[in-house]
Amino acid sequence: MDHGQQLRNLRDFLLVYNRMTEICFQRCTSNFNYRNLTMDEERCVDSCAGKLIRSNHRMMGTYVQLMPRMMQRRMDEIERKAAENAKAAEAAAAASLGPETSATATATPLELQSPSPQSETGGVNISQTET
């Protein structure tokens, strides 16, 4: 894992941790007269943090399961767009060549290599001539 990815992971973890701390503090602390938490506040914080951690684990598990399908769908879409772009570029290239070159481009190799029997005999088909 590269350094940038490690920093992003740490940042994401700290954001989740800070959000959890803020939520649990707002829900559970009610008495600011004492330095330590009361037993009720302590139980509330334990319960709150446990719920948030479990929900985060479930969410990450679902994300890990769905991510390959999402990536496959995205890759299929990218490949489909690339194929469409290639077809469009090919059509644009064929259109820019003009009608003369596009006719030779669509001709089969045999049509380009061997002349027709009519052209060799001056327009008379060889198979129709009598011997």
Protein backbone atom coordinates (compact mmCIF):
# COMPACT_ATOMS: atom_id res chain seq x y z
CA MET A 1 0.00 0.00 0.00
CA ASP A 2 1.44 3.36 -0.97
CA HIS A 3 1.90 6.27 1.38
CA GLY A 4 -1.03 8.24 -0.06
CA GLN A 5 -3.42 5.34 0.47
CA GLN A 6 -2.24 4.94 4.05
CA LEU A 7 -2.89 8.63 4.71
CA ARG A 8 -6.39 8.37 3.21
CA ASN A 9 -7.14 5.32 5.37
CA LEU A 10 -5.93 7.11 8.51
CA ARG A 11 -7.97 10.19 7.61
CA ASP A 12 -11.11 8.07 7.07
CA PHE A 13 -10.57 6.28 10.38
CA LEU A 14 -10.11 9.55 12.25
CA LEU A 15 -13.24 11.03 10.68
CA VAL A 16 -15.30 8.01 11.77
CA TYR A 17 -13.76 8.06 15.25
CA ASN A 18 -14.35 11.81 15.69
CA ARG A 19 -17.95 11.51 14.50
CA MET A 20 -18.58 8.59 16.89
CA THR A 21 -17.06 10.53 19.78
CA GLU A 22 -19.19 13.56 19.02
CA ILE A 23 -22.43 11.56 18.75
CA CYS A 24 -21.84 9.59 21.94
CA PHE A 25 -20.76 12.67 23.87
CA GLN A 26 -23.91 14.56 22.89
CA ARG A 27 -26.16 11.60 23.73
CA CYS A 28 -24.59 10.48 26.96
CA THR A 29 -23.10 13.38 28.88
CA SER A 30 -25.54 15.32 30.96
CA ASN A 31 -23.74 16.18 34.18
CA PHE A 32 -20.71 18.48 33.90
CA ASN A 33 -20.36 18.93 37.69
CA TYR A 34 -17.88 16.05 38.05
CA ARG A 35 -14.54 15.32 36.50
CA ASN A 36 -15.34 11.62 35.92
CA LEU A 37 -18.29 10.04 34.17
CA THR A 38 -21.18 8.78 36.23
CA MET A 39 -22.09 5.09 36.00
CA ASP A 40 -25.09 5.90 33.78
CA GLU A 41 -22.97 8.02 31.46
CA GLU A 42 -20.32 5.32 31.26
CA ARG A 43 -22.89 2.64 30.36
CA CYS A 44 -24.42 4.96 27.78
CA VAL A 45 -21.02 5.68 26.18
CA ASP A 46 -20.18 1.95 26.07
CA SER A 47 -23.53 1.14 24.49
CA CYS A 48 -23.37 4.04 22.03
CA ALA A 49 -19.82 3.29 20.90
CA GLY A 50 -20.61 -0.42 20.61
CA LYS A 51 -23.64 0.26 18.41
CA LEU A 52 -21.73 2.62 16.14
CA ILE A 53 -18.78 0.23 15.81
CA ARG A 54 -21.07 -2.74 15.01
CA SER A 55 -23.01 -0.73 12.44
CA ASN A 56 -19.76 0.47 10.89
CA HIS A 57 -18.51 -3.14 10.65
CA ARG A 58 -21.77 -4.27 9.03
CA MET A 59 -21.64 -1.39 6.57
CA MET A 60 -18.02 -2.14 5.66
CA GLY A 61 -18.84 -5.84 5.24
CA THR A 62 -21.64 -4.96 2.84
CA TYR A 63 -19.36 -2.56 1.01
CA VAL A 64 -16.68 -5.23 0.62
CA GLN A 65 -19.27 -7.66 -0.79
CA LEU A 66 -20.78 -5.14 -3.22
CA MET A 67 -17.59 -3.47 -4.37
CA PRO A 68 -16.48 -6.19 -6.86
CA ARG A 69 -19.88 -6.08 -8.58
CA MET A 70 -19.81 -2.30 -8.69
CA MET A 71 -16.30 -2.31 -10.15
CA GLN A 72 -17.27 -4.95 -12.74
CA ARG A 73 -20.28 -2.90 -13.78
CA ARG A 74 -18.11 0.20 -14.07
CA MET A 75 -15.50 -1.66 -16.13
CA ASP A 76 -18.21 -3.03 -18.46
CA GLU A 77 -19.53 0.49 -18.95
CA ILE A 78 -16.05 1.82 -19.70
CA GLU A 79 -15.41 -0.97 -22.22
CA ARG A 80 -18.78 -0.36 -23.87
CA LYS A 81 -18.05 3.37 -24.19
CA ALA A 82 -14.59 2.63 -25.57
CA ALA A 83 -16.12 0.32 -28.19
CA GLU A 84 -18.67 3.00 -29.13
CA ASN A 85 -15.91 5.60 -29.41
CA ALA A 86 -13.85 3.25 -31.60
CA LYS A 87 -16.82 2.67 -33.90
CA ALA A 88 -17.49 6.40 -34.10
CA ALA A 89 -13.83 7.10 -34.89
CA GLU A 90 -13.83 4.37 -37.53
CA ALA A 91 -16.99 5.80 -39.10
CA ALA A 92 -15.51 9.29 -39.06
CA ALA A 93 -12.30 8.03 -40.67
CA ALA A 94 -14.27 6.20 -43.37
CA ALA A 95 -16.36 9.30 -44.04
CA SER A 96 -13.27 11.50 -44.34
CA LEU A 97 -11.69 9.16 -46.92
CA GLY A 98 -14.49 9.88 -49.39
CA PRO A 99 -16.60 7.61 -51.62
CA GLU A 100 -13.76 6.52 -53.95
CA THR A 101 -11.54 5.10 -51.27
CA SER A 102 -14.40 3.78 -49.19
CA ALA A 103 -15.47 1.54 -52.11
CA THR A 104 -12.01 0.01 -52.30
CA ALA A 105 -11.88 -0.25 -48.53
CA THR A 106 -15.04 -2.36 -48.52
CA ALA A 107 -14.01 -4.55 -51.46
CA THR A 108 -12.90 -8.06 -50.72
CA PRO A 109 -9.26 -8.96 -51.30
CA LEU A 110 -10.18 -11.21 -54.26
CA GLU A 111 -11.98 -8.35 -55.99
CA LEU A 112 -8.91 -6.20 -55.64
CA GLN A 113 -6.37 -8.82 -56.74
CA SER A 114 -7.90 -10.67 -59.68
CA PRO A 115 -9.43 -8.81 -62.60
CA SER A 116 -12.83 -9.98 -63.81
CA PRO A 117 -12.97 -12.32 -66.82
CA GLN A 118 -14.97 -9.71 -68.78
CA SER A 119 -12.23 -7.10 -68.54
CA GLU A 120 -9.64 -9.49 -70.05
CA THR A 121 -11.81 -10.46 -73.04
CA GLY A 122 -13.12 -7.02 -73.82
CA GLY A 123 -16.46 -7.39 -72.12
CA VAL A 124 -17.24 -10.92 -73.28
CA ASN A 125 -17.72 -13.52 -70.60
CA ILE A 126 -15.28 -16.40 -71.15
CA SER A 127 -17.66 -19.04 -69.87
CA GLN A 128 -20.26 -18.03 -72.47
CA THR A 129 -17.94 -18.21 -75.52
CA GLU A 130 -18.10 -21.29 -77.67
CA THR A 131 -15.01 -23.22 -78.53
